[in-house]
């Protein structure tokens, strides 16, 4: 299974203010940039799943959903198809449908870390309960302790209210947001110091000019 980082929202859609990282099965990252989907017509549920993933990789989410629907007609208990269709609904901004599909995937396969992570991301994107989102990320990490995306998502769900836990999760994911904050703070400090020095130099020049004018008898 491959992992896919969340892409920027389309114009006109509400953009979550936090980072979301969601996961799908198959070859979603590998197929980006390919020109053709292939000439062989799908014959099995897996064929439709793979073509759906290729279409989703090109942001053709409606076409992908059609393929996932067909995969589910051929194989009604196909957890991967529910997970991937949920992913497509997520990017269309249809979060309730996404949550329903991720939930169905979990019912079919209780030990499915990707589906738990994805549902948590959908809870957050929909403006739903952060507690439910955190619970899903917790379960994803219990099932897959090295799941980097779930650490990132849980850190964003915890936010400033539990910043120590959030920072620890970012560190486990190999991210160090505090460094950016310190760098930004250092840059701001330099600007302030430079401004103060400029003001001080300006005042010094003003005083010197006044003294010079006094000595020449002007004013």
N, C-alpha and C. Protein backbone atom coordinates (compact mmCIF):
# COMPACT_ATOMS: atom_id res chain seq x y z
N UNK A 1 0.83 -1.19 0.00
CA UNK A 1 0.00 0.00 0.00
C UNK A 1 0.87 1.25 0.00
N UNK A 2 0.46 2.19 -0.80
CA UNK A 2 1.19 3.44 -0.89
C UNK A 2 0.48 4.53 -0.11
N UNK A 3 1.24 5.57 0.23
CA UNK A 3 0.68 6.67 1.00
C UNK A 3 0.64 7.92 0.13
N UNK A 4 -0.45 8.66 0.23
CA UNK A 4 -0.63 9.83 -0.60
C UNK A 4 -0.91 11.06 0.26
N UNK A 5 -0.04 12.09 0.16
CA UNK A 5 -0.28 13.29 0.94
C UNK A 5 -1.42 14.08 0.33
N UNK A 6 -2.16 14.73 1.20
CA UNK A 6 -3.32 15.49 0.77
C UNK A 6 -2.90 16.61 -0.18
N UNK A 7 -3.70 16.77 -1.25
CA UNK A 7 -3.42 17.78 -2.24
C UNK A 7 -4.19 19.05 -1.91
N UNK A 8 -3.78 20.20 -2.49
CA UNK A 8 -4.50 21.45 -2.22
C UNK A 8 -5.95 21.34 -2.65
N UNK A 9 -6.83 21.98 -1.90
CA UNK A 9 -8.25 21.95 -2.22
C UNK A 9 -8.51 22.70 -3.51
N UNK A 10 -9.56 22.29 -4.22
CA UNK A 10 -9.93 22.97 -5.43
C UNK A 10 -10.55 24.33 -5.12
N UNK A 11 -10.44 25.27 -6.09
CA UNK A 11 -11.02 26.59 -5.91
C UNK A 11 -12.51 26.48 -5.69
N UNK A 12 -12.99 27.18 -4.68
CA UNK A 12 -14.42 27.14 -4.38
C UNK A 12 -14.76 26.20 -3.27
N UNK A 13 -13.83 25.31 -2.92
CA UNK A 13 -14.05 24.39 -1.81
C UNK A 13 -13.49 24.98 -0.53
N UNK A 14 -14.08 24.61 0.59
CA UNK A 14 -13.57 25.07 1.87
C UNK A 14 -12.26 24.37 2.16
N UNK A 15 -11.22 25.12 2.46
CA UNK A 15 -9.89 24.57 2.70
C UNK A 15 -9.65 24.41 4.18
N UNK A 16 -9.38 23.18 4.64
CA UNK A 16 -9.07 23.00 6.06
C UNK A 16 -7.83 23.79 6.42
N UNK A 17 -7.80 24.31 7.65
CA UNK A 17 -6.67 25.14 8.07
C UNK A 17 -5.55 24.31 8.66
N UNK A 18 -5.68 23.02 8.61
CA UNK A 18 -4.67 22.15 9.16
C UNK A 18 -4.16 21.21 8.08
N UNK A 19 -3.07 20.56 8.38
CA UNK A 19 -2.51 19.59 7.44
C UNK A 19 -3.28 18.29 7.56
N UNK A 20 -3.63 17.71 6.42
CA UNK A 20 -4.24 16.40 6.43
C UNK A 20 -3.43 15.48 5.54
N UNK A 21 -3.20 14.29 6.01
CA UNK A 21 -2.49 13.29 5.22
C UNK A 21 -3.37 12.07 5.18
N UNK A 22 -3.82 11.67 4.00
CA UNK A 22 -4.69 10.52 3.88
C UNK A 22 -4.02 9.46 3.04
N UNK A 23 -4.49 8.23 3.12
CA UNK A 23 -3.84 7.11 2.45
C UNK A 23 -4.81 6.34 1.59
N UNK A 24 -4.32 5.80 0.51
CA UNK A 24 -5.11 4.95 -0.37
C UNK A 24 -4.29 3.73 -0.73
N UNK A 25 -4.96 2.74 -1.29
CA UNK A 25 -4.27 1.52 -1.69
C UNK A 25 -3.70 1.68 -3.08
N UNK A 26 -2.80 0.77 -3.44
CA UNK A 26 -2.37 0.66 -4.82
C UNK A 26 -1.29 1.62 -5.27
N UNK A 27 -1.42 2.12 -6.50
CA UNK A 27 -0.35 2.80 -7.19
C UNK A 27 -0.64 4.28 -7.43
N UNK A 28 -1.31 4.93 -6.50
CA UNK A 28 -1.79 6.28 -6.72
C UNK A 28 -0.67 7.26 -7.06
N UNK A 29 0.46 7.11 -6.40
CA UNK A 29 1.55 8.05 -6.66
C UNK A 29 2.31 7.69 -7.93
N UNK A 30 2.41 6.41 -8.22
CA UNK A 30 3.22 5.97 -9.35
C UNK A 30 2.61 6.38 -10.68
N UNK A 31 1.29 6.49 -10.74
CA UNK A 31 0.65 6.70 -12.04
C UNK A 31 0.53 8.15 -12.42
N UNK A 32 0.84 9.09 -11.56
CA UNK A 32 0.73 10.49 -11.93
C UNK A 32 1.67 10.81 -13.08
N UNK A 33 1.14 11.50 -14.05
CA UNK A 33 1.95 11.87 -15.19
C UNK A 33 1.87 10.89 -16.34
N UNK A 34 1.25 9.74 -16.17
CA UNK A 34 1.09 8.80 -17.26
C UNK A 34 0.06 9.35 -18.24
N UNK A 35 0.28 9.17 -19.51
CA UNK A 35 -0.60 9.74 -20.51
C UNK A 35 -1.84 8.91 -20.80
N UNK A 36 -1.75 7.60 -20.74
CA UNK A 36 -2.85 6.74 -21.12
C UNK A 36 -3.21 5.81 -19.98
N UNK A 37 -4.50 5.46 -19.90
CA UNK A 37 -4.95 4.54 -18.86
C UNK A 37 -4.80 3.08 -19.30
N UNK A 38 -4.49 2.87 -20.55
CA UNK A 38 -4.37 1.50 -21.03
C UNK A 38 -5.56 1.14 -21.90
N UNK A 39 -5.39 0.18 -22.76
CA UNK A 39 -6.43 -0.19 -23.70
C UNK A 39 -7.21 -1.42 -23.27
N UNK A 40 -6.75 -2.13 -22.25
CA UNK A 40 -7.42 -3.35 -21.80
C UNK A 40 -8.58 -2.97 -20.90
N UNK A 41 -9.79 -3.44 -21.22
CA UNK A 41 -10.97 -3.13 -20.42
C UNK A 41 -10.92 -3.93 -19.12
N UNK A 42 -11.34 -3.32 -18.02
CA UNK A 42 -11.37 -4.04 -16.74
C UNK A 42 -12.31 -5.24 -16.82
N UNK A 43 -11.92 -6.32 -16.14
CA UNK A 43 -12.76 -7.51 -16.15
C UNK A 43 -13.12 -7.96 -14.74
N UNK A 44 -12.26 -7.64 -13.76
CA UNK A 44 -12.47 -8.08 -12.39
C UNK A 44 -12.61 -6.87 -11.46
N UNK A 45 -13.02 -7.15 -10.23
CA UNK A 45 -13.14 -6.09 -9.25
C UNK A 45 -11.79 -5.41 -9.03
N UNK A 46 -10.73 -6.19 -9.02
CA UNK A 46 -9.40 -5.61 -8.82
C UNK A 46 -9.00 -4.73 -10.00
N UNK A 47 -9.39 -5.14 -11.21
CA UNK A 47 -9.10 -4.32 -12.39
C UNK A 47 -9.75 -2.94 -12.26
N UNK A 48 -11.02 -2.94 -11.84
CA UNK A 48 -11.73 -1.66 -11.68
C UNK A 48 -11.11 -0.83 -10.56
N UNK A 49 -10.67 -1.51 -9.50
CA UNK A 49 -10.02 -0.79 -8.40
C UNK A 49 -8.76 -0.10 -8.89
N UNK A 50 -7.94 -0.81 -9.66
CA UNK A 50 -6.68 -0.25 -10.13
C UNK A 50 -6.93 0.90 -11.09
N UNK A 51 -7.93 0.76 -11.97
CA UNK A 51 -8.20 1.86 -12.89
C UNK A 51 -8.75 3.07 -12.13
N UNK A 52 -9.56 2.79 -11.11
CA UNK A 52 -10.05 3.88 -10.28
C UNK A 52 -8.92 4.64 -9.61
N UNK A 53 -7.92 3.91 -9.15
CA UNK A 53 -6.77 4.55 -8.52
C UNK A 53 -5.99 5.39 -9.52
N UNK A 54 -5.87 4.90 -10.75
CA UNK A 54 -5.19 5.68 -11.77
C UNK A 54 -5.95 6.98 -12.06
N UNK A 55 -7.27 6.87 -12.15
CA UNK A 55 -8.08 8.06 -12.40
C UNK A 55 -8.01 9.03 -11.22
N UNK A 56 -8.05 8.50 -10.02
CA UNK A 56 -7.93 9.37 -8.85
C UNK A 56 -6.58 10.07 -8.83
N UNK A 57 -5.53 9.37 -9.26
CA UNK A 57 -4.20 9.96 -9.32
C UNK A 57 -4.14 11.14 -10.28
N UNK A 58 -5.06 11.19 -11.26
CA UNK A 58 -5.14 12.32 -12.19
C UNK A 58 -6.22 13.32 -11.78
N UNK A 59 -6.75 13.13 -10.58
CA UNK A 59 -7.80 14.00 -10.02
C UNK A 59 -9.13 13.84 -10.75
N UNK A 60 -9.31 12.74 -11.49
CA UNK A 60 -10.60 12.44 -12.10
C UNK A 60 -11.41 11.64 -11.09
N UNK A 61 -11.91 12.32 -10.06
CA UNK A 61 -12.55 11.62 -8.95
C UNK A 61 -13.91 11.04 -9.32
N UNK A 62 -14.64 11.70 -10.21
CA UNK A 62 -15.93 11.14 -10.64
C UNK A 62 -15.72 9.84 -11.40
N UNK A 63 -14.72 9.83 -12.28
CA UNK A 63 -14.42 8.60 -13.01
C UNK A 63 -13.95 7.50 -12.07
N UNK A 64 -13.15 7.88 -11.07
CA UNK A 64 -12.68 6.90 -10.10
C UNK A 64 -13.84 6.31 -9.31
N UNK A 65 -14.78 7.16 -8.89
CA UNK A 65 -15.93 6.66 -8.13
C UNK A 65 -16.73 5.67 -8.96
N UNK A 66 -16.89 5.96 -10.26
CA UNK A 66 -17.58 5.02 -11.14
C UNK A 66 -16.92 3.65 -11.16
N UNK A 67 -15.59 3.65 -11.21
CA UNK A 67 -14.85 2.38 -11.21
C UNK A 67 -14.99 1.66 -9.87
N UNK A 68 -14.92 2.41 -8.76
CA UNK A 68 -15.07 1.77 -7.45
C UNK A 68 -16.48 1.20 -7.29
N UNK A 69 -17.47 1.90 -7.84
CA UNK A 69 -18.84 1.37 -7.79
C UNK A 69 -18.92 0.03 -8.50
N UNK A 70 -18.29 -0.03 -9.68
CA UNK A 70 -18.31 -1.28 -10.44
C UNK A 70 -17.55 -2.38 -9.71
N UNK A 71 -16.45 -2.03 -9.07
CA UNK A 71 -15.69 -3.02 -8.30
C UNK A 71 -16.56 -3.59 -7.18
N UNK A 72 -17.36 -2.73 -6.55
CA UNK A 72 -18.23 -3.18 -5.46
C UNK A 72 -19.41 -3.98 -5.96
N UNK A 73 -19.86 -3.74 -7.19
CA UNK A 73 -20.91 -4.58 -7.76
C UNK A 73 -20.40 -6.00 -7.98
N UNK A 74 -19.13 -6.09 -8.36
CA UNK A 74 -18.54 -7.41 -8.61
C UNK A 74 -18.09 -8.10 -7.32
N UNK A 75 -17.77 -7.29 -6.31
CA UNK A 75 -17.26 -7.83 -5.05
C UNK A 75 -17.77 -6.95 -3.92
N UNK A 76 -18.91 -7.30 -3.38
CA UNK A 76 -19.62 -6.42 -2.44
C UNK A 76 -18.85 -6.17 -1.13
N UNK A 77 -18.01 -7.09 -0.73
CA UNK A 77 -17.28 -6.95 0.52
C UNK A 77 -15.85 -6.48 0.33
N UNK A 78 -15.62 -5.66 -0.67
CA UNK A 78 -14.28 -5.24 -1.05
C UNK A 78 -13.88 -4.01 -0.22
N UNK A 79 -13.16 -4.26 0.88
CA UNK A 79 -12.80 -3.17 1.80
C UNK A 79 -11.96 -2.11 1.12
N UNK A 80 -11.03 -2.51 0.26
CA UNK A 80 -10.16 -1.55 -0.41
C UNK A 80 -10.96 -0.61 -1.31
N UNK A 81 -12.00 -1.14 -1.95
CA UNK A 81 -12.81 -0.30 -2.83
C UNK A 81 -13.58 0.75 -2.02
N UNK A 82 -14.08 0.35 -0.85
CA UNK A 82 -14.76 1.33 0.02
C UNK A 82 -13.78 2.39 0.49
N UNK A 83 -12.58 1.97 0.86
CA UNK A 83 -11.57 2.92 1.32
C UNK A 83 -11.21 3.91 0.21
N UNK A 84 -10.99 3.39 -1.00
CA UNK A 84 -10.58 4.26 -2.10
C UNK A 84 -11.72 5.16 -2.56
N UNK A 85 -12.95 4.65 -2.54
CA UNK A 85 -14.08 5.50 -2.91
C UNK A 85 -14.25 6.61 -1.87
N UNK A 86 -14.02 6.27 -0.61
CA UNK A 86 -14.05 7.30 0.43
C UNK A 86 -13.01 8.37 0.17
N UNK A 87 -11.84 7.96 -0.29
CA UNK A 87 -10.77 8.91 -0.63
C UNK A 87 -11.23 9.86 -1.73
N UNK A 88 -11.90 9.32 -2.75
CA UNK A 88 -12.38 10.17 -3.85
C UNK A 88 -13.46 11.14 -3.37
N UNK A 89 -14.37 10.64 -2.53
CA UNK A 89 -15.40 11.53 -1.97
C UNK A 89 -14.75 12.63 -1.12
N UNK A 90 -13.72 12.26 -0.40
CA UNK A 90 -13.02 13.25 0.44
C UNK A 90 -12.55 14.42 -0.41
N UNK A 91 -11.90 14.13 -1.54
CA UNK A 91 -11.35 15.20 -2.36
C UNK A 91 -12.42 15.97 -3.12
N UNK A 92 -13.60 15.40 -3.22
CA UNK A 92 -14.73 16.14 -3.80
C UNK A 92 -15.41 17.02 -2.76
N UNK A 93 -14.97 16.93 -1.51
CA UNK A 93 -15.58 17.70 -0.44
C UNK A 93 -16.84 17.07 0.12
N UNK A 94 -17.11 15.82 -0.24
CA UNK A 94 -18.31 15.12 0.24
C UNK A 94 -17.91 14.26 1.44
N UNK A 95 -17.69 14.94 2.55
CA UNK A 95 -17.08 14.31 3.71
C UNK A 95 -17.96 13.27 4.38
N UNK A 96 -19.27 13.49 4.41
CA UNK A 96 -20.15 12.51 5.04
C UNK A 96 -20.14 11.19 4.27
N UNK A 97 -20.13 11.27 2.95
CA UNK A 97 -20.03 10.05 2.14
C UNK A 97 -18.67 9.38 2.36
N UNK A 98 -17.64 10.20 2.47
CA UNK A 98 -16.30 9.64 2.72
C UNK A 98 -16.28 8.90 4.05
N UNK A 99 -16.83 9.52 5.09
CA UNK A 99 -16.86 8.89 6.42
C UNK A 99 -17.63 7.57 6.37
N UNK A 100 -18.75 7.56 5.66
CA UNK A 100 -19.54 6.33 5.55
C UNK A 100 -18.75 5.22 4.88
N UNK A 101 -18.01 5.56 3.82
CA UNK A 101 -17.23 4.54 3.12
C UNK A 101 -16.06 4.05 3.97
N UNK A 102 -15.39 4.95 4.65
CA UNK A 102 -14.29 4.52 5.52
C UNK A 102 -14.81 3.64 6.65
N UNK A 103 -15.98 3.99 7.17
CA UNK A 103 -16.58 3.18 8.25
C UNK A 103 -16.92 1.79 7.75
N UNK A 104 -17.45 1.71 6.52
CA UNK A 104 -17.78 0.40 5.95
C UNK A 104 -16.51 -0.43 5.73
N UNK A 105 -15.44 0.22 5.28
CA UNK A 105 -14.17 -0.48 5.10
C UNK A 105 -13.68 -1.06 6.43
N UNK A 106 -13.86 -0.29 7.50
CA UNK A 106 -13.44 -0.74 8.83
C UNK A 106 -14.31 -1.90 9.31
N UNK A 107 -15.61 -1.85 9.01
CA UNK A 107 -16.49 -2.97 9.37
C UNK A 107 -16.04 -4.25 8.69
N UNK A 108 -15.66 -4.12 7.44
CA UNK A 108 -15.24 -5.30 6.68
C UNK A 108 -13.85 -5.79 7.09
N UNK A 109 -13.01 -4.84 7.48
CA UNK A 109 -11.65 -5.21 7.90
C UNK A 109 -11.29 -4.38 9.13
N UNK A 110 -11.57 -4.89 10.31
CA UNK A 110 -11.32 -4.12 11.55
C UNK A 110 -9.87 -3.70 11.75
N UNK A 111 -8.93 -4.48 11.23
CA UNK A 111 -7.51 -4.16 11.38
C UNK A 111 -7.01 -3.46 10.11
N UNK A 112 -7.60 -2.31 9.80
CA UNK A 112 -7.30 -1.58 8.56
C UNK A 112 -6.80 -0.18 8.94
N UNK A 113 -5.50 -0.01 9.18
CA UNK A 113 -4.99 1.28 9.66
C UNK A 113 -5.25 2.44 8.70
N UNK A 114 -5.15 2.19 7.39
CA UNK A 114 -5.39 3.26 6.43
C UNK A 114 -6.80 3.82 6.55
N UNK A 115 -7.78 2.94 6.71
CA UNK A 115 -9.17 3.38 6.79
C UNK A 115 -9.41 4.20 8.07
N UNK A 116 -8.80 3.79 9.17
CA UNK A 116 -8.93 4.56 10.42
C UNK A 116 -8.30 5.94 10.25
N UNK A 117 -7.11 5.99 9.66
CA UNK A 117 -6.46 7.28 9.45
C UNK A 117 -7.29 8.17 8.54
N UNK A 118 -7.81 7.59 7.46
CA UNK A 118 -8.61 8.37 6.51
C UNK A 118 -9.89 8.89 7.15
N UNK A 119 -10.55 8.06 7.94
CA UNK A 119 -11.80 8.52 8.56
C UNK A 119 -11.52 9.65 9.54
N UNK A 120 -10.41 9.54 10.28
CA UNK A 120 -10.04 10.63 11.18
C UNK A 120 -9.82 11.93 10.42
N UNK A 121 -9.16 11.84 9.26
CA UNK A 121 -8.93 13.03 8.44
C UNK A 121 -10.25 13.60 7.95
N UNK A 122 -11.19 12.73 7.59
CA UNK A 122 -12.49 13.20 7.12
C UNK A 122 -13.29 13.85 8.24
N UNK A 123 -13.19 13.31 9.45
CA UNK A 123 -13.84 13.96 10.60
C UNK A 123 -13.34 15.39 10.75
N UNK A 124 -12.05 15.58 10.65
CA UNK A 124 -11.48 16.91 10.83
C UNK A 124 -11.87 17.84 9.68
N UNK A 125 -11.80 17.35 8.45
CA UNK A 125 -12.14 18.19 7.30
C UNK A 125 -13.60 18.61 7.31
N UNK A 126 -14.47 17.78 7.88
CA UNK A 126 -15.89 18.08 7.93
C UNK A 126 -16.25 19.02 9.07
N UNK A 127 -15.26 19.33 9.91
CA UNK A 127 -15.54 20.16 11.08
C UNK A 127 -16.17 19.38 12.21
N UNK A 128 -16.03 18.07 12.16
CA UNK A 128 -16.61 17.20 13.18
C UNK A 128 -15.77 17.14 14.45
N UNK A 129 -16.06 16.12 15.24
CA UNK A 129 -15.42 15.98 16.54
C UNK A 129 -13.93 15.66 16.40
N UNK A 130 -13.10 16.51 16.99
CA UNK A 130 -11.67 16.22 17.01
C UNK A 130 -11.37 15.01 17.88
N UNK A 131 -12.18 14.81 18.93
CA UNK A 131 -11.98 13.65 19.80
C UNK A 131 -12.16 12.35 19.01
N UNK A 132 -13.16 12.32 18.13
CA UNK A 132 -13.37 11.12 17.31
C UNK A 132 -12.23 10.95 16.32
N UNK A 133 -11.73 12.07 15.79
CA UNK A 133 -10.60 12.00 14.87
C UNK A 133 -9.37 11.45 15.58
N UNK A 134 -9.09 11.97 16.77
CA UNK A 134 -7.92 11.50 17.54
C UNK A 134 -8.06 10.01 17.85
N UNK A 135 -9.27 9.58 18.19
CA UNK A 135 -9.49 8.15 18.49
C UNK A 135 -9.16 7.29 17.27
N UNK A 136 -9.52 7.77 16.09
CA UNK A 136 -9.21 7.01 14.87
C UNK A 136 -7.71 6.99 14.61
N UNK A 137 -7.05 8.12 14.81
CA UNK A 137 -5.59 8.14 14.61
C UNK A 137 -4.90 7.25 15.64
N UNK A 138 -5.42 7.24 16.86
CA UNK A 138 -4.87 6.34 17.89
C UNK A 138 -4.95 4.89 17.44
N UNK A 139 -6.11 4.51 16.91
CA UNK A 139 -6.30 3.12 16.48
C UNK A 139 -5.41 2.80 15.29
N UNK A 140 -5.28 3.74 14.36
CA UNK A 140 -4.39 3.52 13.22
C UNK A 140 -2.96 3.25 13.69
N UNK A 141 -2.53 3.97 14.72
CA UNK A 141 -1.17 3.80 15.23
C UNK A 141 -1.02 2.54 16.06
N UNK A 142 -2.10 2.11 16.71
CA UNK A 142 -2.03 0.82 17.41
C UNK A 142 -1.85 -0.32 16.40
N UNK A 143 -2.51 -0.19 15.27
CA UNK A 143 -2.42 -1.22 14.24
C UNK A 143 -1.12 -1.13 13.45
N UNK A 144 -0.58 0.10 13.33
CA UNK A 144 0.64 0.32 12.55
C UNK A 144 1.49 1.37 13.27
N UNK A 145 2.30 0.96 14.22
CA UNK A 145 3.04 1.91 15.07
C UNK A 145 3.99 2.85 14.33
N UNK A 146 4.40 2.51 13.12
CA UNK A 146 5.31 3.37 12.37
C UNK A 146 4.58 4.19 11.31
N UNK A 147 3.28 4.41 11.49
CA UNK A 147 2.45 5.07 10.49
C UNK A 147 2.66 6.58 10.55
N UNK A 148 3.58 7.07 9.73
CA UNK A 148 3.97 8.49 9.77
C UNK A 148 2.78 9.42 9.56
N UNK A 149 1.94 9.12 8.56
CA UNK A 149 0.82 10.00 8.25
C UNK A 149 -0.14 10.15 9.42
N UNK A 150 -0.35 9.07 10.15
CA UNK A 150 -1.26 9.13 11.30
C UNK A 150 -0.66 10.00 12.41
N UNK A 151 0.66 9.97 12.57
CA UNK A 151 1.29 10.85 13.56
C UNK A 151 1.08 12.32 13.19
N UNK A 152 1.25 12.64 11.90
CA UNK A 152 1.07 14.02 11.45
C UNK A 152 -0.38 14.46 11.67
N UNK A 153 -1.32 13.60 11.28
CA UNK A 153 -2.73 13.94 11.44
C UNK A 153 -3.11 14.10 12.91
N UNK A 154 -2.62 13.20 13.75
CA UNK A 154 -2.97 13.29 15.16
C UNK A 154 -2.38 14.56 15.77
N UNK A 155 -1.17 14.92 15.36
CA UNK A 155 -0.56 16.15 15.86
C UNK A 155 -1.43 17.36 15.53
N UNK A 156 -1.95 17.40 14.30
CA UNK A 156 -2.80 18.51 13.90
C UNK A 156 -4.13 18.49 14.63
N UNK A 157 -4.63 17.29 14.91
CA UNK A 157 -5.89 17.19 15.65
C UNK A 157 -5.72 17.65 17.10
N UNK A 158 -4.58 17.33 17.70
CA UNK A 158 -4.32 17.74 19.08
C UNK A 158 -4.13 19.25 19.17
N UNK A 159 -3.38 19.80 18.23
CA UNK A 159 -3.21 21.25 18.15
C UNK A 159 -2.56 21.85 19.38
N UNK A 160 -2.84 23.14 19.57
CA UNK A 160 -2.22 23.88 20.67
C UNK A 160 -2.77 23.47 22.03
N UNK A 161 -3.96 22.90 22.06
CA UNK A 161 -4.55 22.50 23.34
C UNK A 161 -3.70 21.44 24.03
N UNK A 162 -3.08 20.58 23.24
CA UNK A 162 -2.19 19.56 23.79
C UNK A 162 -0.88 19.62 23.01
N UNK A 163 -0.24 20.78 23.06
CA UNK A 163 0.90 21.03 22.19
C UNK A 163 2.08 20.12 22.46
N UNK A 164 2.26 19.68 23.71
CA UNK A 164 3.39 18.79 23.99
C UNK A 164 3.21 17.45 23.28
N UNK A 165 2.01 16.88 23.36
CA UNK A 165 1.73 15.62 22.65
C UNK A 165 1.83 15.83 21.15
N UNK A 166 1.30 16.96 20.68
CA UNK A 166 1.34 17.25 19.25
C UNK A 166 2.78 17.35 18.76
N UNK A 167 3.61 18.06 19.51
CA UNK A 167 5.01 18.21 19.12
C UNK A 167 5.71 16.87 19.11
N UNK A 168 5.41 16.02 20.07
CA UNK A 168 6.00 14.68 20.12
C UNK A 168 5.61 13.87 18.89
N UNK A 169 4.33 14.00 18.47
CA UNK A 169 3.88 13.28 17.27
C UNK A 169 4.61 13.79 16.02
N UNK A 170 4.77 15.11 15.92
CA UNK A 170 5.51 15.66 14.78
C UNK A 170 6.94 15.12 14.77
N UNK A 171 7.56 15.03 15.94
CA UNK A 171 8.93 14.51 16.02
C UNK A 171 8.98 13.06 15.57
N UNK A 172 7.98 12.28 15.97
CA UNK A 172 7.95 10.87 15.55
C UNK A 172 7.79 10.74 14.05
N UNK A 173 7.18 11.75 13.45
CA UNK A 173 7.02 11.75 11.99
C UNK A 173 8.23 12.35 11.29
N UNK A 174 9.24 12.74 12.06
CA UNK A 174 10.44 13.33 11.47
C UNK A 174 10.29 14.80 11.12
N UNK A 175 9.31 15.47 11.73
CA UNK A 175 9.07 16.88 11.46
C UNK A 175 9.39 17.71 12.71
N UNK A 176 9.88 18.93 12.50
CA UNK A 176 10.28 19.80 13.61
C UNK A 176 9.73 21.21 13.38
N UNK A 177 8.42 21.40 13.58
CA UNK A 177 7.83 22.73 13.33
C UNK A 177 8.39 23.81 14.23
N UNK A 178 8.91 23.44 15.39
CA UNK A 178 9.44 24.46 16.30
C UNK A 178 10.66 25.16 15.70
N UNK A 179 11.38 24.46 14.82
CA UNK A 179 12.54 25.09 14.20
C UNK A 179 12.11 26.24 13.29
N UNK A 180 11.01 26.03 12.57
CA UNK A 180 10.50 27.10 11.71
C UNK A 180 10.05 28.29 12.54
N UNK A 181 9.42 27.98 13.69
CA UNK A 181 8.97 29.06 14.57
C UNK A 181 10.15 29.85 15.10
N UNK A 182 11.20 29.13 15.52
CA UNK A 182 12.39 29.81 16.03
C UNK A 182 13.07 30.63 14.94
N UNK A 183 13.11 30.06 13.73
CA UNK A 183 13.72 30.79 12.62
C UNK A 183 12.93 32.06 12.32
N UNK A 184 11.60 31.94 12.33
CA UNK A 184 10.75 33.11 12.09
C UNK A 184 10.93 34.13 13.20
N UNK A 185 11.04 33.63 14.45
CA UNK A 185 11.25 34.54 15.58
C UNK A 185 12.59 35.25 15.49
N UNK A 186 13.62 34.50 15.07
CA UNK A 186 14.94 35.10 14.92
C UNK A 186 14.95 36.17 13.85
N UNK A 187 14.26 35.89 12.74
CA UNK A 187 14.19 36.88 11.66
C UNK A 187 13.46 38.14 12.13
N UNK A 188 12.39 37.94 12.88
CA UNK A 188 11.63 39.09 13.40
C UNK A 188 12.49 39.92 14.34
N UNK A 189 13.29 39.22 15.16
CA UNK A 189 14.17 39.93 16.09
C UNK A 189 15.19 40.78 15.34
N UNK A 190 15.73 40.22 14.26
CA UNK A 190 16.71 40.98 13.47
C UNK A 190 16.07 42.23 12.88
N UNK A 191 14.83 42.09 12.41
CA UNK A 191 14.12 43.25 11.84
C UNK A 191 13.92 44.32 12.90
N UNK A 192 13.52 43.88 14.10
CA UNK A 192 13.30 44.84 15.19
C UNK A 192 14.59 45.55 15.57
N UNK A 193 15.67 44.77 15.70
CA UNK A 193 16.96 45.37 16.06
C UNK A 193 17.41 46.35 14.99
N UNK A 194 17.26 45.94 13.72
CA UNK A 194 17.67 46.83 12.62
C UNK A 194 16.85 48.11 12.63
N UNK A 195 15.57 47.98 12.94
CA UNK A 195 14.72 49.16 13.01
C UNK A 195 15.13 50.10 14.13
N UNK A 196 15.43 49.51 15.29
CA UNK A 196 15.87 50.31 16.43
C UNK A 196 17.18 51.04 16.13
N UNK A 197 18.11 50.32 15.47
CA UNK A 197 19.39 50.95 15.14
C UNK A 197 19.19 52.08 14.14
N UNK A 198 18.27 51.87 13.19
CA UNK A 198 18.00 52.91 12.19
C UNK A 198 17.43 54.16 12.86
N UNK A 199 16.48 53.96 13.77
CA UNK A 199 15.88 55.09 14.49
C UNK A 199 16.93 55.81 15.33
N UNK A 200 17.79 55.02 15.99
CA UNK A 200 18.83 55.61 16.83
C UNK A 200 19.80 56.44 16.00
N UNK A 201 20.19 55.91 14.83
CA UNK A 201 21.11 56.63 13.96
C UNK A 201 20.46 57.90 13.44
N UNK A 202 19.17 57.83 13.12
CA UNK A 202 18.46 59.01 12.63
C UNK A 202 18.41 60.10 13.68
N UNK A 203 18.14 59.70 14.91
CA UNK A 203 18.10 60.68 15.99
C UNK A 203 19.47 61.32 16.21
N UNK A 204 20.52 60.50 16.12
CA UNK A 204 21.87 61.02 16.32
C UNK A 204 22.20 62.07 15.25
N UNK A 205 21.83 61.78 13.99
CA UNK A 205 22.08 62.72 12.91
C UNK A 205 21.31 64.02 13.13
N UNK A 206 20.05 63.86 13.63
CA UNK A 206 19.23 65.05 13.89
C UNK A 206 19.86 65.94 14.95
N UNK A 207 20.36 65.33 16.03
CA UNK A 207 21.01 66.09 17.09
C UNK A 207 22.26 66.78 16.57
N UNK A 208 23.06 66.07 15.77
CA UNK A 208 24.29 66.64 15.23
C UNK A 208 23.96 67.82 14.31
N UNK A 209 22.91 67.71 13.52
CA UNK A 209 22.52 68.80 12.63
C UNK A 209 22.09 70.03 13.43
N UNK A 210 21.35 69.78 14.51
CA UNK A 210 20.92 70.90 15.35
C UNK A 210 22.12 71.61 15.97
N UNK A 211 23.12 70.86 16.42
CA UNK A 211 24.33 71.45 17.00
C UNK A 211 25.09 72.25 15.94
N UNK A 212 25.16 71.70 14.74
CA UNK A 212 25.88 72.38 13.67
C UNK A 212 25.20 73.70 13.32
N UNK A 213 23.86 73.66 13.27
CA UNK A 213 23.12 74.88 12.97
C UNK A 213 23.31 75.91 14.08
N UNK A 214 23.36 75.46 15.35
CA UNK A 214 23.56 76.38 16.46
C UNK A 214 24.90 77.07 16.39
N UNK A 215 25.94 76.31 16.00
CA UNK A 215 27.28 76.86 15.95
C UNK A 215 27.39 77.92 14.82
N UNK A 216 26.60 77.75 13.75
CA UNK A 216 26.68 78.70 12.64
C UNK A 216 25.76 79.89 12.82
N UNK A 217 24.95 79.88 13.91
CA UNK A 217 24.13 81.03 14.21
C UNK A 217 22.80 81.01 13.49
N UNK A 218 22.44 79.95 12.78
CA UNK A 218 21.18 79.86 12.08
C UNK A 218 20.08 79.53 13.06
N UNK A 219 18.88 80.10 12.90
CA UNK A 219 17.74 79.81 13.77
C UNK A 219 17.73 80.69 14.96
